[in-house]
Amino acid sequence: MKIIQFIVLYFLFVSTVYAQSNIKKSSRSNDLSAMLNERRNARLKAFIGQNYFKLTNADSILKDIGIDKVKGVNILNFWFANCPPCIVEFLDLVKLGNRFFNNSNFHIISLTYENDSIISSFQRKYSLPFTPMHISKESCVKMNLQNGFPTNILLDSTGAIVLVSAGGSSDSTASSKLFQEVLMPAIDSLLGH
């Protein structure tokens, strides 16, 4: 039940942030944006509860990069270097990684189509407590459920999708709010904290 509450809070948060970012646009533009936002949220909501690995066949892609079996609670993070919202999220992903660093039941699986040189540069620059891994752009799009970037997908220990966060914000306050008020409580709930 707690997970459903977090999901509802997430959609309310995303809708609020999105609406606030569009205040200065014309009402016609606002109507179109609201309609598109509503469709995106309905699309994301449809993934909740589905088994991620059956839906995406991600097992084979992960196995190719050395992850034989995904265990515990996982957040799959998809990003690329020239994506401002992706970069803003790194600060919150670092906090998330540090908070659960000693918990063997929680893992951040960070995936990008960037080359190893860029990945190493970002890992050093942001002191990432996890190692981003390279997969093809096609695999990123498939595994992030065709949601664009950044995308974060929270999986429970059975591989069921608990939450999908797609898009992101270039505003660090909005990004932090998503992580602190939606993702961290959902992870705490899944881990029994």
Protein backbone atom coordinates (compact mmCIF):
# COMPACT_ATOMS: atom_id res chain seq x y z
CA MET A 1 0.00 0.00 0.00
CA LYS A 2 2.86 2.38 0.81
CA ILE A 3 4.30 1.86 -2.66
CA ILE A 4 1.03 2.92 -4.27
CA GLN A 5 1.05 6.07 -2.15
CA PHE A 6 4.54 6.89 -3.37
CA ILE A 7 3.53 6.31 -6.97
CA VAL A 8 0.56 8.65 -6.60
CA LEU A 9 2.81 11.25 -4.93
CA TYR A 10 5.29 10.92 -7.77
CA PHE A 11 2.69 11.60 -10.45
CA LEU A 12 1.35 14.56 -8.49
CA PHE A 13 4.88 15.90 -8.10
CA VAL A 14 5.73 15.51 -11.78
CA SER A 15 2.47 17.15 -12.80
CA THR A 16 3.07 20.06 -10.41
CA VAL A 17 6.66 20.64 -11.51
CA TYR A 18 5.67 20.38 -15.15
CA ALA A 19 2.75 22.77 -14.67
CA GLN A 20 4.90 25.31 -12.82
CA SER A 21 7.51 25.26 -15.56
CA ASN A 22 4.86 26.16 -18.13
CA ILE A 23 3.24 29.15 -16.37
CA LYS A 24 4.65 31.70 -18.84
CA LYS A 25 3.54 29.81 -21.97
CA SER A 26 0.36 30.70 -23.83
CA SER A 27 -2.82 28.90 -22.80
CA ARG A 28 -2.91 27.07 -26.14
CA SER A 29 0.61 25.82 -25.53
CA ASN A 30 -0.34 24.96 -21.95
CA ASP A 31 -3.30 22.90 -23.15
CA LEU A 32 -1.09 20.94 -25.53
CA SER A 33 1.61 20.48 -22.88
CA ALA A 34 -0.94 19.33 -20.32
CA MET A 35 -2.39 16.83 -22.77
CA LEU A 36 1.06 15.45 -23.62
CA ASN A 37 2.02 15.30 -19.94
CA GLU A 38 -1.19 13.43 -19.14
CA ARG A 39 -0.53 10.91 -21.91
CA ARG A 40 3.07 10.40 -20.75
CA ASN A 41 1.96 9.85 -17.15
CA ALA A 42 -0.69 7.33 -18.26
CA ARG A 43 1.95 5.53 -20.35
CA LEU A 44 4.37 5.39 -17.40
CA LYS A 45 1.65 4.24 -15.02
CA ALA A 46 0.92 1.28 -17.32
CA PHE A 47 4.39 -0.16 -16.56
CA ILE A 48 3.87 -0.26 -12.78
CA GLY A 49 3.69 -3.83 -11.47
CA GLN A 50 4.98 -5.45 -14.66
CA ASN A 51 8.05 -7.65 -14.55
CA TYR A 52 10.80 -5.52 -16.06
CA PHE A 53 12.87 -8.43 -17.33
CA LYS A 54 9.97 -10.09 -19.12
CA LEU A 55 8.94 -6.75 -20.58
CA THR A 56 12.38 -5.79 -21.90
CA ASN A 57 14.40 -9.00 -22.09
CA ALA A 58 17.11 -6.97 -20.33
CA ASP A 59 18.74 -10.09 -18.88
CA SER A 60 20.73 -10.70 -22.06
CA ILE A 61 21.89 -7.07 -22.34
CA LEU A 62 22.97 -6.98 -18.69
CA LYS A 63 24.71 -10.34 -19.02
CA ASP A 64 26.74 -8.90 -21.93
CA ILE A 65 28.13 -6.21 -19.59
CA GLY A 66 28.91 -8.59 -16.74
CA ILE A 67 25.74 -8.50 -14.67
CA ASP A 68 24.64 -12.12 -14.52
CA LYS A 69 21.77 -11.81 -12.08
CA VAL A 70 20.06 -8.71 -10.71
CA LYS A 71 19.32 -9.20 -7.03
CA GLY A 72 17.50 -7.12 -4.45
CA VAL A 73 16.02 -3.68 -5.00
CA ASN A 74 17.48 -1.87 -7.99
CA ILE A 75 17.27 1.51 -9.61
CA LEU A 76 18.14 1.54 -13.28
CA ASN A 77 19.40 4.97 -14.32
CA PHE A 78 19.73 5.91 -18.00
CA TRP A 79 21.67 9.03 -19.04
CA PHE A 80 23.99 10.62 -21.58
CA ALA A 81 26.62 13.35 -21.33
CA ASN A 82 24.88 16.20 -23.17
CA CYS A 83 21.66 15.90 -21.20
CA PRO A 84 21.40 18.71 -18.59
CA PRO A 85 18.68 16.97 -16.51
CA CYS A 86 20.81 13.79 -16.51
CA ILE A 87 23.76 15.73 -15.11
CA VAL A 88 21.63 17.46 -12.48
CA GLU A 89 20.45 14.03 -11.26
CA PHE A 90 24.01 12.85 -10.63
CA LEU A 91 24.16 14.86 -7.38
CA ASP A 92 21.06 13.07 -6.12
CA LEU A 93 22.22 9.68 -7.41
CA VAL A 94 25.46 10.18 -5.46
CA LYS A 95 23.44 10.92 -2.30
CA LEU A 96 21.28 7.88 -2.98
CA GLY A 97 24.32 5.68 -3.59
CA ASN A 98 26.07 6.92 -0.46
CA ARG A 99 22.94 6.48 1.67
CA PHE A 100 22.54 2.83 0.69
CA PHE A 101 26.23 2.05 0.05
CA ASN A 102 26.47 -0.64 2.74
CA ASN A 103 23.12 -2.23 1.91
CA SER A 104 23.74 -5.34 -0.18
CA ASN A 105 20.03 -5.47 -1.07
CA PHE A 106 20.12 -2.19 -3.03
CA HIS A 107 21.94 -1.44 -6.27
CA ILE A 108 22.19 1.44 -8.72
CA ILE A 109 22.64 0.20 -12.25
CA SER A 110 23.65 3.22 -14.30
CA LEU A 111 23.55 2.72 -18.06
CA THR A 112 24.58 4.95 -20.94
CA TYR A 113 25.54 4.72 -24.57
CA GLU A 114 28.54 6.99 -23.93
CA ASN A 115 32.03 5.58 -24.50
CA ASP A 116 34.28 4.37 -21.66
CA SER A 117 36.36 7.56 -21.69
CA ILE A 118 33.32 9.77 -21.07
CA ILE A 119 32.01 7.34 -18.45
CA SER A 120 35.35 7.45 -16.58
CA SER A 121 35.43 11.24 -16.79
CA PHE A 122 31.93 11.53 -15.32
CA GLN A 123 32.67 8.97 -12.63
CA ARG A 124 35.69 11.01 -11.48
CA LYS A 125 34.04 14.43 -11.87
CA TYR A 126 30.95 13.51 -9.83
CA SER A 127 32.61 10.98 -7.46
CA LEU A 128 30.01 8.39 -8.37
CA PRO A 129 29.71 5.59 -5.78
CA PHE A 130 28.55 3.28 -8.58
CA THR A 131 30.04 2.41 -11.94
CA PRO A 132 28.08 3.50 -15.02
CA MET A 133 28.21 0.95 -17.80
CA HIS A 134 28.18 1.27 -21.56
CA ILE A 135 25.47 -0.32 -23.66
CA SER A 136 24.37 0.53 -27.18
CA LYS A 137 22.00 3.43 -27.78
CA GLU A 138 19.44 0.93 -29.09
CA SER A 139 19.72 -1.06 -25.84
CA CYS A 140 19.37 2.11 -23.74
CA VAL A 141 16.16 3.04 -25.53
CA LYS A 142 14.80 -0.49 -25.21
CA MET A 143 15.74 -0.81 -21.55
CA ASN A 144 14.46 2.64 -20.55
CA LEU A 145 11.09 1.67 -22.02
CA GLN A 146 11.50 4.29 -24.80
CA ASN A 147 11.15 7.12 -22.29
CA GLY A 148 14.04 9.37 -23.27
CA PHE A 149 16.63 10.65 -20.83
CA PRO A 150 17.11 10.70 -17.95
CA THR A 151 15.00 7.74 -16.93
CA ASN A 152 15.04 6.02 -13.56
CA ILE A 153 13.23 2.72 -13.12
CA LEU A 154 12.83 1.33 -9.61
CA LEU A 155 12.50 -2.45 -9.36
CA ASP A 156 11.51 -4.49 -6.35
CA SER A 157 13.30 -7.71 -5.45
CA THR A 158 11.09 -9.73 -7.82
CA GLY A 159 11.92 -7.51 -10.80
CA ALA A 160 8.53 -5.79 -10.79
CA ILE A 161 8.48 -2.12 -11.80
CA VAL A 162 7.58 0.01 -8.81
CA LEU A 163 8.24 3.47 -10.22
CA VAL A 164 9.31 5.08 -13.49
CA SER A 165 10.70 8.59 -13.52
CA ALA A 166 11.23 9.92 -17.03
CA GLY A 167 12.37 13.30 -18.27
CA GLY A 168 13.80 15.04 -15.28
CA SER A 169 14.44 18.69 -14.62
CA SER A 170 17.43 20.95 -15.19
CA ASP A 171 16.48 22.60 -11.90
CA SER A 172 18.45 20.99 -9.08
CA THR A 173 15.74 21.82 -6.51
CA ALA A 174 13.06 19.98 -8.49
CA SER A 175 15.40 17.05 -9.12
CA SER A 176 16.30 16.80 -5.43
CA LYS A 177 12.65 16.97 -4.48
CA LEU A 178 11.88 13.98 -6.73
CA PHE A 179 14.69 11.95 -5.15
CA GLN A 180 14.00 13.00 -1.56
CA GLU A 181 10.21 12.87 -1.59
CA VAL A 182 9.52 10.04 -4.02
CA LEU A 183 12.46 7.77 -4.80
CA MET A 184 14.13 7.55 -1.37
CA PRO A 185 10.89 6.84 0.52
CA ALA A 186 9.91 4.21 -2.09
CA ILE A 187 13.33 2.55 -1.72
CA ASP A 188 13.08 2.71 2.08
CA SER A 189 9.66 1.05 1.88
CA LEU A 190 10.95 -1.72 -0.41
CA LEU A 191 13.92 -2.35 1.89
CA GLY A 192 11.68 -2.44 4.96
CA HIS A 193 13.11 0.69 6.61
